[in-house]
Protein backbone atom coordinates (compact mmCIF):
# COMPACT_ATOMS: atom_id res chain seq x y z
CA MET A 1 -18.83 -7.62 12.99
CA SER A 2 -21.57 -5.45 11.55
CA GLU A 3 -23.95 -7.15 9.12
CA ASN A 4 -24.41 -4.09 6.97
CA THR A 5 -20.73 -3.33 6.56
CA GLY A 6 -19.09 -6.74 7.02
CA LEU A 7 -16.04 -5.13 8.62
CA ASN A 8 -13.41 -7.19 10.40
CA ARG A 9 -11.00 -4.63 11.79
CA ALA A 10 -7.50 -5.25 13.12
CA LYS A 11 -5.84 -3.63 16.11
CA MET A 12 -3.07 -1.18 15.31
CA TYR A 13 -0.30 -3.44 16.65
CA GLN A 14 -1.58 -6.24 14.37
CA LEU A 15 -1.50 -3.96 11.35
CA ALA A 16 2.02 -2.88 12.29
CA LEU A 17 3.54 -6.28 13.10
CA PHE A 18 2.12 -8.74 10.58
CA PRO A 19 3.61 -7.00 7.49
CA LEU A 20 7.03 -7.69 9.03
CA ASN A 21 6.58 -11.20 7.62
CA ASN A 22 7.20 -9.66 4.22
CA GLY A 23 10.26 -7.93 5.62
CA ALA A 24 11.51 -11.29 6.93
CA THR A 25 11.27 -12.91 3.50
CA ASN A 26 12.63 -9.81 1.77
CA VAL A 27 15.86 -10.34 3.69
CA TYR A 28 16.31 -13.49 1.63
CA PHE A 29 15.03 -11.76 -1.51
CA VAL A 30 18.20 -9.67 -1.26
CA LEU A 31 20.52 -12.32 0.18
CA ILE A 32 19.59 -14.93 -2.42
CA LEU A 33 17.99 -13.38 -5.47
CA SER A 34 20.37 -10.41 -5.64
CA TYR A 35 23.58 -12.29 -4.94
CA VAL A 36 23.25 -16.03 -5.56
CA ALA A 37 24.13 -15.82 -9.27
CA SER A 38 27.31 -13.87 -8.46
CA PHE A 39 28.06 -16.36 -5.67
CA GLY A 40 27.80 -19.27 -8.07
CA SER A 41 29.90 -17.54 -10.72
CA ASN A 42 32.56 -15.75 -8.65
CA VAL A 43 32.89 -17.92 -5.52
CA LEU A 44 32.07 -21.44 -6.68
CA GLY A 45 33.43 -20.97 -10.19
CA ILE A 46 30.19 -22.09 -11.84
CA VAL A 47 29.66 -20.88 -15.41
CA ALA A 48 27.90 -17.49 -15.21
CA VAL A 49 25.18 -18.38 -17.72
CA PHE A 50 24.38 -21.55 -15.78
CA ALA A 51 24.27 -19.63 -12.48
CA ALA A 52 21.88 -17.05 -13.93
CA MET A 53 19.71 -19.69 -15.60
CA MET A 54 19.53 -21.49 -12.25
CA VAL A 55 18.08 -18.36 -10.67
CA THR A 56 15.37 -18.29 -13.31
CA GLY A 57 14.81 -22.04 -13.18
CA MET A 58 14.43 -22.02 -9.41
CA ARG A 59 12.05 -19.09 -9.49
CA VAL A 60 9.94 -21.12 -11.92
CA PHE A 61 10.15 -24.06 -9.49
CA ASP A 62 9.20 -21.63 -6.72
CA ALA A 63 6.17 -20.50 -8.71
CA ILE A 64 5.07 -24.08 -9.41
CA THR A 65 5.25 -25.03 -5.73
CA ASP A 66 3.14 -22.01 -4.75
CA PRO A 67 -0.35 -23.39 -5.56
CA ILE A 68 0.54 -26.73 -3.98
CA ILE A 69 1.55 -25.08 -0.72
CA GLY A 70 -1.43 -22.73 -1.00
CA ALA A 71 -3.82 -25.68 -1.20
CA LEU A 72 -2.05 -27.31 1.76
CA MET A 73 -2.42 -24.07 3.73
CA ASP A 74 -6.16 -23.86 3.00
CA LYS A 75 -6.64 -27.38 4.41
CA THR A 76 -4.51 -26.66 7.49
CA ASN A 77 -6.14 -25.79 10.80
CA THR A 78 -4.00 -26.63 13.84
CA LYS A 79 -3.95 -25.47 17.45
CA PHE A 80 -1.20 -23.10 16.29
CA GLY A 81 -3.51 -21.79 13.56
CA LYS A 82 -3.55 -21.98 9.78
CA PHE A 83 -0.72 -19.58 8.94
CA ARG A 84 1.81 -19.55 11.77
CA PRO A 85 3.11 -23.11 11.17
CA PHE A 86 4.08 -22.12 7.63
CA MET A 87 5.92 -19.04 8.90
CA VAL A 88 8.00 -21.01 11.41
CA ILE A 89 8.77 -23.97 9.16
CA GLY A 90 9.57 -21.75 6.18
CA ASN A 91 11.98 -19.55 8.11
CA ALA A 92 13.79 -22.55 9.58
CA ILE A 93 14.21 -24.20 6.16
CA MET A 94 15.60 -20.98 4.65
CA ALA A 95 18.08 -20.45 7.49
CA VAL A 96 19.53 -23.96 7.29
CA SER A 97 19.72 -24.05 3.48
CA VAL A 98 21.43 -20.64 3.23
CA ILE A 99 24.01 -21.59 5.87
CA LEU A 100 24.87 -24.72 3.92
CA LEU A 101 24.85 -22.90 0.56
CA TYR A 102 26.91 -19.82 1.42
CA MET A 103 29.11 -21.11 4.24
CA VAL A 104 29.69 -24.80 3.47
CA THR A 105 29.74 -25.24 -0.32
CA PRO A 106 32.84 -23.03 -0.81
CA ALA A 107 34.75 -25.66 1.18
CA ILE A 108 34.11 -28.24 -1.55
CA PRO A 109 37.44 -28.64 -3.44
CA GLU A 110 37.68 -27.14 -6.92
CA THR A 111 38.63 -30.62 -8.14
CA MET A 112 35.07 -31.70 -7.31
CA MET A 113 33.18 -29.16 -9.40
CA TRP A 114 30.39 -31.67 -9.98
CA ALA A 115 29.75 -31.61 -6.23
CA ARG A 116 29.67 -27.79 -6.23
CA TYR A 117 27.11 -27.82 -9.04
CA ALA A 118 25.02 -30.45 -7.26
CA ALA A 119 25.11 -28.63 -3.90
CA TYR A 120 24.28 -25.33 -5.60
CA ILE A 121 21.20 -26.82 -7.25
CA VAL A 122 19.91 -28.91 -4.33
CA LEU A 123 20.39 -26.30 -1.60
CA TYR A 124 18.88 -23.59 -3.76
CA ALA A 125 15.85 -25.85 -4.37
CA VAL A 126 15.44 -26.52 -0.65
CA TRP A 127 15.65 -22.79 0.06
CA VAL A 128 12.90 -22.18 -2.51
CA ILE A 129 10.53 -24.50 -0.65
CA GLY A 130 11.15 -22.68 2.63
CA TYR A 131 10.74 -19.32 0.93
CA THR A 132 7.42 -20.40 -0.57
CA PHE A 133 6.19 -21.62 2.84
CA GLN A 134 6.74 -18.28 4.53
CA THR A 135 6.18 -15.76 1.76
CA SER A 136 2.82 -17.34 0.85
CA VAL A 137 1.47 -16.36 4.26
CA THR A 138 1.95 -12.64 3.59
CA ARG A 139 -0.76 -12.70 0.94
CA ALA A 140 -2.89 -15.57 2.24
CA ALA A 141 -3.45 -14.11 5.72
CA GLN A 142 -4.55 -10.70 4.48
CA PRO A 143 -8.29 -11.60 4.37
CA VAL A 144 -8.32 -12.62 8.06
CA LEU A 145 -6.23 -9.68 9.26
CA THR A 146 -8.73 -7.02 8.13
CA ASN A 147 -11.21 -6.33 5.36
CA ASP A 148 -11.70 -2.67 6.22
CA PRO A 149 -10.99 -0.66 3.02
CA LYS A 150 -9.44 2.06 5.17
CA GLN A 151 -7.13 -0.37 6.99
CA ARG A 152 -5.89 -2.56 4.14
CA PRO A 153 -3.94 0.25 2.44
CA LEU A 154 -1.98 0.75 5.68
CA PHE A 155 -0.16 -2.47 4.81
CA THR A 156 2.08 -0.52 2.44
CA ILE A 157 3.18 1.82 5.25
CA PHE A 158 4.00 -0.92 7.73
CA ASN A 159 5.46 -3.09 5.00
CA THR A 160 7.90 -0.29 4.23
CA ILE A 161 9.05 -0.32 7.83
CA GLY A 162 9.50 -4.07 7.57
CA SER A 163 11.35 -3.72 4.28
CA LEU A 164 13.70 -1.12 5.76
CA ALA A 165 14.30 -3.45 8.71
CA GLY A 166 14.83 -6.37 6.35
CA MET A 167 15.64 -5.59 2.72
CA GLY A 168 16.92 -2.09 3.54
CA VAL A 169 19.34 -3.37 6.18
CA MET A 170 20.74 -5.98 3.79
CA GLN A 171 21.02 -3.51 0.91
CA ALA A 172 22.83 -1.02 3.14
CA ILE A 173 25.20 -3.41 4.94
CA GLY A 174 26.12 -5.44 1.85
CA PRO A 175 27.93 -2.73 -0.15
CA ILE A 176 29.60 -1.40 3.01
CA LEU A 177 31.08 -4.81 3.83
CA ALA A 178 32.08 -5.21 0.18
CA GLY A 179 34.19 -2.05 0.40
CA ASP A 180 37.98 -2.29 0.31
CA ALA A 181 38.17 -1.09 3.91
CA PHE A 182 36.18 -4.10 5.11
CA ILE A 183 35.82 -7.54 3.51
CA GLY A 184 36.18 -6.85 -0.20
CA ASP A 185 34.47 -7.43 -3.51
CA TYR A 186 31.68 -9.97 -2.74
CA ASN A 187 34.05 -12.82 -2.00
CA ALA A 188 33.50 -16.03 0.02
CA GLN A 189 34.14 -14.23 3.33
CA TRP A 190 31.51 -11.61 2.46
CA TYR A 191 28.88 -14.33 2.06
CA ALA A 192 30.00 -16.00 5.29
CA VAL A 193 29.48 -12.74 7.22
CA MET A 194 26.25 -11.64 5.52
CA THR A 195 24.54 -15.00 6.06
CA PRO A 196 24.25 -14.91 9.90
CA ILE A 197 23.36 -11.21 9.78
CA GLY A 198 20.50 -11.91 7.40
CA ILE A 199 19.25 -14.92 9.36
CA CYS A 200 19.16 -13.01 12.64
CA VAL A 201 17.24 -10.09 11.08
CA SER A 202 14.76 -12.47 9.43
CA VAL A 203 14.12 -14.48 12.62
CA VAL A 204 13.40 -11.36 14.67
CA LEU A 205 10.98 -10.03 12.05
CA THR A 206 9.26 -13.43 11.81
CA ILE A 207 8.67 -13.57 15.58
CA LEU A 208 7.13 -10.09 15.52
CA ALA A 209 4.92 -11.04 12.54
CA ILE A 210 3.70 -14.15 14.38
CA ILE A 211 2.65 -11.95 17.31
CA GLY A 212 0.80 -9.71 14.86
CA ILE A 213 -1.30 -12.47 13.25
CA ALA A 214 -1.78 -14.70 16.33
CA GLU A 215 -5.25 -13.51 17.37
CA LYS A 216 -6.62 -13.46 13.80
CA ASP A 217 -5.19 -16.89 12.95
CA ASN A 218 -8.45 -18.41 14.13
CA GLU A 219 -11.19 -20.29 12.28
CA LYS A 220 -13.86 -17.76 13.26
CA TYR A 221 -12.25 -15.41 10.71
CA PHE A 222 -12.08 -18.08 7.98
CA GLY A 223 -14.68 -17.32 5.28
CA ILE A 224 -18.46 -17.31 5.66
CA GLY A 225 -18.85 -20.70 7.37
CA GLY A 226 -21.07 -23.47 6.10
CA GLY A 227 -19.01 -26.46 7.10
CA THR A 228 -15.55 -27.78 6.41
CA GLN A 229 -13.72 -26.18 3.49
CA GLU A 230 -13.90 -28.47 0.50
CA ALA A 231 -10.50 -29.25 -0.96
CA VAL A 232 -9.80 -27.57 -4.28
CA LYS A 233 -8.25 -29.82 -6.90
CA VAL A 234 -5.25 -28.68 -8.92
CA SER A 235 -7.38 -29.02 -12.04
CA GLU A 236 -9.70 -26.32 -10.67
CA TYR A 237 -6.96 -23.67 -10.44
CA ILE A 238 -7.27 -22.62 -14.06
CA GLN A 239 -11.05 -22.38 -13.70
CA ILE A 240 -10.64 -20.14 -10.63
CA ILE A 241 -8.34 -17.82 -12.54
CA LYS A 242 -10.71 -17.73 -15.53
CA ALA A 243 -13.70 -16.90 -13.34
CA ASN A 244 -11.98 -14.38 -11.08
CA LYS A 245 -11.40 -11.50 -13.51
CA PRO A 246 -10.00 -9.10 -10.89
CA LEU A 247 -7.31 -11.65 -9.99
CA GLN A 248 -6.32 -11.93 -13.65
CA ARG A 249 -5.77 -8.21 -13.98
CA LEU A 250 -3.99 -7.97 -10.65
CA MET A 251 -1.62 -10.74 -11.71
CA VAL A 252 -0.56 -8.71 -14.75
CA ALA A 253 -0.25 -5.46 -12.79
CA GLY A 254 1.57 -7.05 -9.86
CA GLY A 255 3.87 -9.00 -12.14
CA GLY A 256 4.71 -5.81 -14.02
CA CYS A 257 5.52 -3.92 -10.82
CA LYS A 258 7.68 -6.79 -9.53
CA LEU A 259 9.56 -7.17 -12.83
CA ALA A 260 10.32 -3.44 -12.86
CA MET A 261 11.67 -3.56 -9.32
CA SER A 262 13.60 -6.83 -9.76
CA ILE A 263 15.52 -5.60 -12.80
CA GLY A 264 15.78 -1.95 -11.80
CA THR A 265 17.38 -2.90 -8.46
CA ASN A 266 19.45 -5.83 -9.75
CA MET A 267 22.95 -5.60 -8.27
CA THR A 268 24.70 -6.27 -11.59
CA VAL A 269 22.71 -3.48 -13.27
CA LEU A 270 23.57 -1.05 -10.46
CA ILE A 271 27.26 -1.98 -10.59
CA MET A 272 27.30 -1.25 -14.33
CA LEU A 273 25.49 2.06 -13.80
CA TYR A 274 27.27 3.47 -10.76
CA GLN A 275 30.74 1.97 -11.24
CA LEU A 276 31.41 0.98 -14.83
CA MET A 277 29.57 3.96 -16.34
CA MET A 278 29.81 6.63 -13.65
CA GLY A 279 33.04 5.40 -12.05
CA ASN A 280 32.11 5.65 -8.36
CA TYR A 281 29.98 2.80 -7.03
CA ASP A 282 30.95 3.32 -3.37
CA GLY A 283 30.12 7.02 -3.61
CA LEU A 284 26.86 6.66 -5.53
CA TYR A 285 25.07 3.41 -4.67
CA LEU A 286 24.40 4.02 -0.98
CA PRO A 287 23.53 7.74 -1.33
CA MET A 288 21.17 6.99 -4.21
CA MET A 289 19.53 4.17 -2.27
CA ILE A 290 19.03 6.41 0.77
CA LEU A 291 17.67 9.22 -1.41
CA GLY A 292 15.26 6.74 -2.99
CA TYR A 293 13.91 5.81 0.42
CA VAL A 294 13.65 9.49 1.39
CA PHE A 295 11.64 10.23 -1.76
CA ALA A 296 9.47 7.17 -1.06
CA VAL A 297 8.25 8.44 2.33
CA PRO A 298 5.77 11.05 1.03
CA PHE A 299 4.55 8.61 -1.61
CA PHE A 300 3.67 6.02 1.02
CA VAL A 301 1.55 8.64 2.74
CA LEU A 302 -0.01 9.70 -0.55
CA THR A 303 -0.78 6.14 -1.67
CA VAL A 304 -2.55 5.39 1.61
CA GLN A 305 -4.58 8.62 1.47
CA THR A 306 -5.57 7.99 -2.15
CA SER A 307 -6.44 4.34 -1.38
CA GLN A 308 -8.64 5.31 1.55
CA LYS A 309 -10.49 7.98 -0.44
CA LYS A 310 -10.71 6.45 -3.92
CA GLY A 311 -9.71 2.80 -3.49
CA GLN A 312 -6.48 0.90 -4.07
CA LYS A 313 -7.03 0.66 -7.82
CA ALA A 314 -6.96 4.45 -8.21
CA SER A 315 -3.89 4.72 -6.00
CA LEU A 316 -1.91 2.06 -7.87
CA MET A 317 -2.69 3.56 -11.27
CA THR A 318 -1.91 7.12 -10.18
CA TYR A 319 1.55 6.47 -8.78
CA VAL A 320 2.65 3.90 -11.34
CA GLY A 321 1.82 6.64 -13.84
CA VAL A 322 4.04 9.06 -11.90
CA ALA A 323 6.91 6.56 -12.00
CA LEU A 324 6.52 6.05 -15.74
CA ALA A 325 6.53 9.79 -16.44
CA CYS A 326 9.63 10.41 -14.30
CA TYR A 327 11.59 7.60 -15.92
CA VAL A 328 11.13 9.19 -19.32
CA VAL A 329 13.47 11.94 -18.03
CA VAL A 330 15.83 9.38 -16.45
CA LEU A 331 16.00 7.63 -19.83
CA ILE A 332 16.91 10.89 -21.57
CA LEU A 333 19.63 11.59 -18.99
CA LEU A 334 21.22 8.19 -19.51
CA LEU A 335 21.13 8.73 -23.27
CA LEU A 336 23.03 12.00 -22.70
CA TRP A 337 25.74 10.25 -20.61
CA ASN A 338 29.23 11.16 -21.81
CA PRO A 339 32.27 9.64 -20.03
CA ASN A 340 34.50 12.30 -21.61
CA ASN A 341 32.44 15.17 -20.22
CA PRO A 342 32.14 15.41 -16.41
CA ASN A 343 29.04 17.59 -16.80
CA PHE A 344 27.19 14.51 -18.11
CA MET A 345 28.32 12.09 -15.42
CA LEU A 346 26.79 11.40 -12.01
CA CYS A 347 28.92 12.98 -9.31
CA ILE A 348 28.15 13.75 -5.67
CA MET A 349 31.61 13.70 -4.08
CA LYS A 350 35.03 14.12 -5.68
CA ASP A 351 38.37 13.88 -3.88
CA GLY A 352 36.53 13.93 -0.57
CA LYS A 353 34.71 17.17 -1.40
CA PHE A 354 31.09 17.90 -2.28
CA ALA A 355 31.03 18.21 -6.09
CA ILE A 356 27.49 17.71 -7.34
CA ASN A 357 26.64 18.91 -10.85
CA LEU A 358 23.40 19.86 -12.65
CA TYR A 359 23.18 16.48 -14.39
CA THR A 360 23.22 14.74 -11.00
CA ILE A 361 20.66 17.13 -9.49
CA VAL A 362 18.19 16.51 -12.31
CA PHE A 363 18.87 12.75 -12.13
CA ILE A 364 18.25 12.71 -8.37
CA LEU A 365 15.00 14.65 -8.69
CA PHE A 366 13.45 12.46 -11.38
CA PHE A 367 15.01 9.15 -10.36
CA GLY A 368 14.10 9.83 -6.73
CA THR A 369 10.51 10.78 -7.54
CA GLY A 370 10.08 7.83 -9.90
CA TYR A 371 11.74 5.38 -7.51
CA GLY A 372 9.68 6.70 -4.61
CA ALA A 373 6.45 6.32 -6.57
CA TYR A 374 7.07 2.78 -7.78
CA TYR A 375 8.65 1.63 -4.52
CA ALA A 376 5.48 2.78 -2.73
CA THR A 377 3.32 0.76 -5.15
CA ALA A 378 5.54 -2.33 -5.47
CA ASP A 379 3.80 -4.20 -2.65
CA MET A 380 0.38 -2.60 -3.03
CA PRO A 381 -0.96 -5.69 -4.88
CA ILE A 382 -0.51 -7.75 -1.67
CA PRO A 383 -3.52 -6.27 0.20
CA MET A 384 -5.33 -6.12 -3.13
CA VAL A 385 -5.02 -9.93 -3.32
CA ALA A 386 -7.16 -9.96 -0.17
CA ASP A 387 -9.87 -8.09 -2.08
CA CYS A 388 -9.67 -10.76 -4.80
CA ALA A 389 -9.93 -13.49 -2.14
CA ASP A 390 -13.02 -11.81 -0.68
CA TYR A 391 -14.41 -11.59 -4.22
CA GLU A 392 -13.83 -15.34 -4.65
CA THR A 393 -15.76 -16.02 -1.43
CA TYR A 394 -18.52 -13.72 -2.73
CA ARG A 395 -18.48 -15.46 -6.13
CA SER A 396 -18.21 -19.12 -5.12
CA GLY A 397 -18.59 -19.27 -1.33
CA LYS A 398 -15.11 -20.75 -0.98
CA PHE A 399 -12.57 -19.38 1.49
CA ILE A 400 -9.28 -20.24 -0.22
CA PRO A 401 -6.86 -17.43 0.67
CA GLY A 402 -3.86 -19.75 0.37
CA ILE A 403 -4.68 -20.68 -3.20
CA MET A 404 -5.65 -17.13 -4.13
CA GLY A 405 -2.42 -15.70 -2.72
CA THR A 406 -0.21 -18.35 -4.28
CA LEU A 407 -1.93 -18.17 -7.66
CA PHE A 408 -0.99 -14.50 -7.67
CA SER A 409 2.52 -15.41 -6.51
CA LEU A 410 2.85 -17.96 -9.30
CA VAL A 411 2.64 -15.29 -11.99
CA ASP A 412 4.52 -12.78 -9.84
CA LYS A 413 7.45 -15.16 -9.44
CA LEU A 414 7.43 -16.42 -13.01
CA VAL A 415 7.76 -12.83 -14.18
CA SER A 416 10.37 -11.77 -11.62
CA SER A 417 12.32 -14.97 -12.29
CA LEU A 418 13.25 -13.48 -15.63
CA SER A 419 15.41 -10.76 -14.06
CA ALA A 420 18.70 -12.67 -13.69
CA THR A 421 18.34 -14.32 -17.10
CA VAL A 422 17.38 -11.07 -18.82
CA VAL A 423 20.46 -9.35 -17.35
CA THR A 424 22.75 -12.21 -18.42
CA VAL A 425 21.30 -12.43 -21.94
CA ALA A 426 21.52 -8.65 -22.37
CA LEU A 427 25.22 -8.82 -21.48
CA LEU A 428 25.78 -11.65 -23.96
CA PHE A 429 24.57 -9.34 -26.73
CA ILE A 430 27.63 -7.14 -26.14
CA GLY A 431 29.99 -10.09 -25.74
CA VAL A 432 30.14 -10.20 -21.92
CA ASP A 433 29.76 -13.75 -20.59
CA TYR A 434 30.22 -12.94 -16.90
CA LEU A 435 28.39 -10.88 -14.28
CA PRO A 436 30.44 -7.69 -13.80
CA LEU A 437 31.87 -6.76 -10.41
CA LYS A 438 33.18 -3.40 -9.25
CA THR A 439 36.66 -4.34 -10.45
CA SER A 440 35.46 -5.38 -13.92
CA PRO A 441 36.35 -3.15 -16.89
CA TYR A 442 33.82 -1.13 -18.83
CA VAL A 443 32.92 -2.86 -22.11
CA GLU A 444 31.61 -0.98 -25.12
CA GLY A 445 27.84 -1.15 -25.19
CA MET A 446 27.29 -1.51 -21.44
CA ASN A 447 25.57 1.87 -21.40
CA TRP A 448 22.91 0.52 -23.77
CA VAL A 449 22.46 -2.54 -21.59
CA VAL A 450 21.94 -0.27 -18.57
CA ILE A 451 19.48 1.94 -20.46
CA PHE A 452 17.50 -1.11 -21.55
CA LEU A 453 17.49 -2.78 -18.11
CA PHE A 454 17.37 0.21 -15.77
CA CYS A 455 14.77 2.20 -17.74
CA GLY A 456 13.37 0.38 -20.76
CA ILE A 457 12.02 -2.80 -19.19
CA PRO A 458 10.55 -1.09 -16.08
CA MET A 459 8.78 1.46 -18.29
CA ILE A 460 7.27 -1.27 -20.46
CA ALA A 461 6.22 -3.19 -17.34
CA TRP A 462 4.52 -0.13 -15.83
CA ALA A 463 2.67 0.57 -19.08
CA LEU A 464 1.31 -3.00 -19.06
CA SER A 465 0.28 -2.58 -15.43
CA LEU A 466 -1.70 0.56 -16.25
CA VAL A 467 -3.48 -1.09 -19.17
CA SER A 468 -4.37 -4.11 -17.03
CA MET A 469 -5.69 -2.14 -14.06
CA LYS A 470 -7.96 -0.02 -16.21
CA GLY A 471 -10.56 -2.81 -16.26
CA TYR A 472 -10.07 -3.89 -12.62
CA GLU A 473 -13.55 -3.80 -11.06
CA LEU A 474 -12.72 -3.90 -7.34
CA ASP A 475 -12.74 -0.18 -6.65
CA GLY A 476 -13.62 1.23 -3.24
CA LYS A 477 -17.40 1.09 -3.72
CA ARG A 478 -17.41 -2.48 -5.09
CA VAL A 479 -15.27 -3.78 -2.22
CA LYS A 480 -17.75 -2.39 0.34
CA ILE A 481 -20.64 -4.19 -1.38
CA ILE A 482 -18.75 -7.50 -1.46
CA ASN A 483 -17.88 -7.23 2.24
CA ALA A 484 -21.50 -6.53 3.13
CA VAL A 485 -22.84 -9.46 1.09
CA ASN A 486 -20.28 -11.87 2.57
CA ALA A 487 -21.13 -10.70 6.09
CA ALA A 488 -24.87 -11.12 5.53
CA ARG A 489 -24.36 -14.63 4.14
CA LYS A 490 -22.13 -15.55 7.08
CA ALA A 491 -24.77 -14.36 9.56
CA ALA A 492 -27.51 -16.29 7.74
CA ILE A 493 -25.45 -19.51 7.70
CA ALA A 494 -24.71 -19.11 11.42
CA ASN A 495 -28.49 -18.93 11.99
CA GLY A 496 -29.10 -22.23 10.21
CA MET A 497 -29.38 -21.35 6.51
CA SER A 498 -27.52 -23.64 4.11
CA MET A 499 -24.56 -22.38 2.11
CA GLU A 500 -26.42 -22.98 -1.14
CA GLU A 501 -29.49 -21.03 -0.02
CA ALA A 502 -27.41 -18.13 1.31
CA MET A 503 -25.46 -17.88 -1.94
CA ALA A 504 -28.68 -17.96 -3.98
CA THR A 505 -30.83 -15.56 -1.97
CA ILE A 506 -28.45 -12.98 -0.47
CA ASN A 507 -26.94 -10.69 -3.07
CA ASP A 508 -26.18 -7.07 -3.94
CA GLU A 509 -29.82 -6.08 -4.28
CA ASN A 510 -31.01 -7.14 -0.84
CA VAL A 511 -28.06 -6.05 1.31
CA GLU A 512 -27.79 -2.50 2.56
CA VAL A 513 -24.35 -0.89 2.48
CA LYS A 514 -23.64 2.10 4.72
């Protein structure tokens, strides 16, 4: 490690494999957060409002457990490392709980609805704990993986590969299996088949991620030294957030990006858009999803290039702005929707023949560009959390990546937890007290619900993200200075200087940055 740059670089295979941990947890993001409310309502017969409220309630529980597990992670240092135990334990807990939830609870007789409700709540809560264990590592381990400003942005590229191998696989297979030619409309058998598929994909991705972080999961990469890490009390969390201004702003921006993605990709919203409004879910959902990924590819390249040249702040603001601008046109197109005029309906295929219209072409261009831009930025806050963790070490001398990552996750999850409830409440406004399936009828006013959920909320969330990031101080130049100061302090402490003296005497003015 160079004293004047403070760079801890990762090998390429480490950069490529560790982000697969996010792909492993994103498998369950789809399997649980996209489908569990429908499972409770349509398979177990639980009241739809209760099922949706449970999703929100458990995400709140998930957020509350984050700082606790983060603090536990910061105090952990085993022969197997600090982070890998949480990856293994978390994945095992999720696998067992989902098997019991999706494959066992439907066997509970309808005459014992109380038992169905109880199993639904308890197993969901157990899954949340496992999810928090593993997903917390994605953010917490970023500071030890690399602090090179040119390497950290590469996370978004490799994370996309992981997402396609995890979330993308689940999003592609799910609708195919739900087709009439296969299993059917998200019934009990569909969940029984999707569960082992998801578990297998997640386990493979977790193993690869463990290989990626193994070498860096070592105490020589933990902070600037100076003795055993002092435990941080729960009462200190608020003080950390108040003092770490960059983390505050990143919480708002990251929460906004996650809320936009959670609601914009919600399965109920997409069913209403592609089936109940446009009349062809099977012919639109998968093509649109694939086109979204295709449009995302150049944006992932652009976001990395912008991040490496101007810093991650500039990249996030630029492409969130692109998404916001494009969705203005998408909003206008949905306002022009007319079920009585085929020229104002989405159509790619008709009667087995290619039958795309101008409305669809314009929709694809602007939806695809907007989706590509915001999909490329959705996980950008994850490596930016590492910058905030480095800033905390610079500010206080404490190496607490677990707490820093989970404090960010707390707000992230509290915000994204609103998605299922927001969808359900929006439907209640038009008199719909169930979560629509492909076979459900169109109800007057659903188009306004789709416009509000698919466009309105994401656009508001992106606007808040842009406002928040405007005052974010950790641009490319500032990150280099922080790395250099931390490295100089670490070297001084290794040579016998006390932590207190290093923090007091080594600062921006007396450290050279190349």
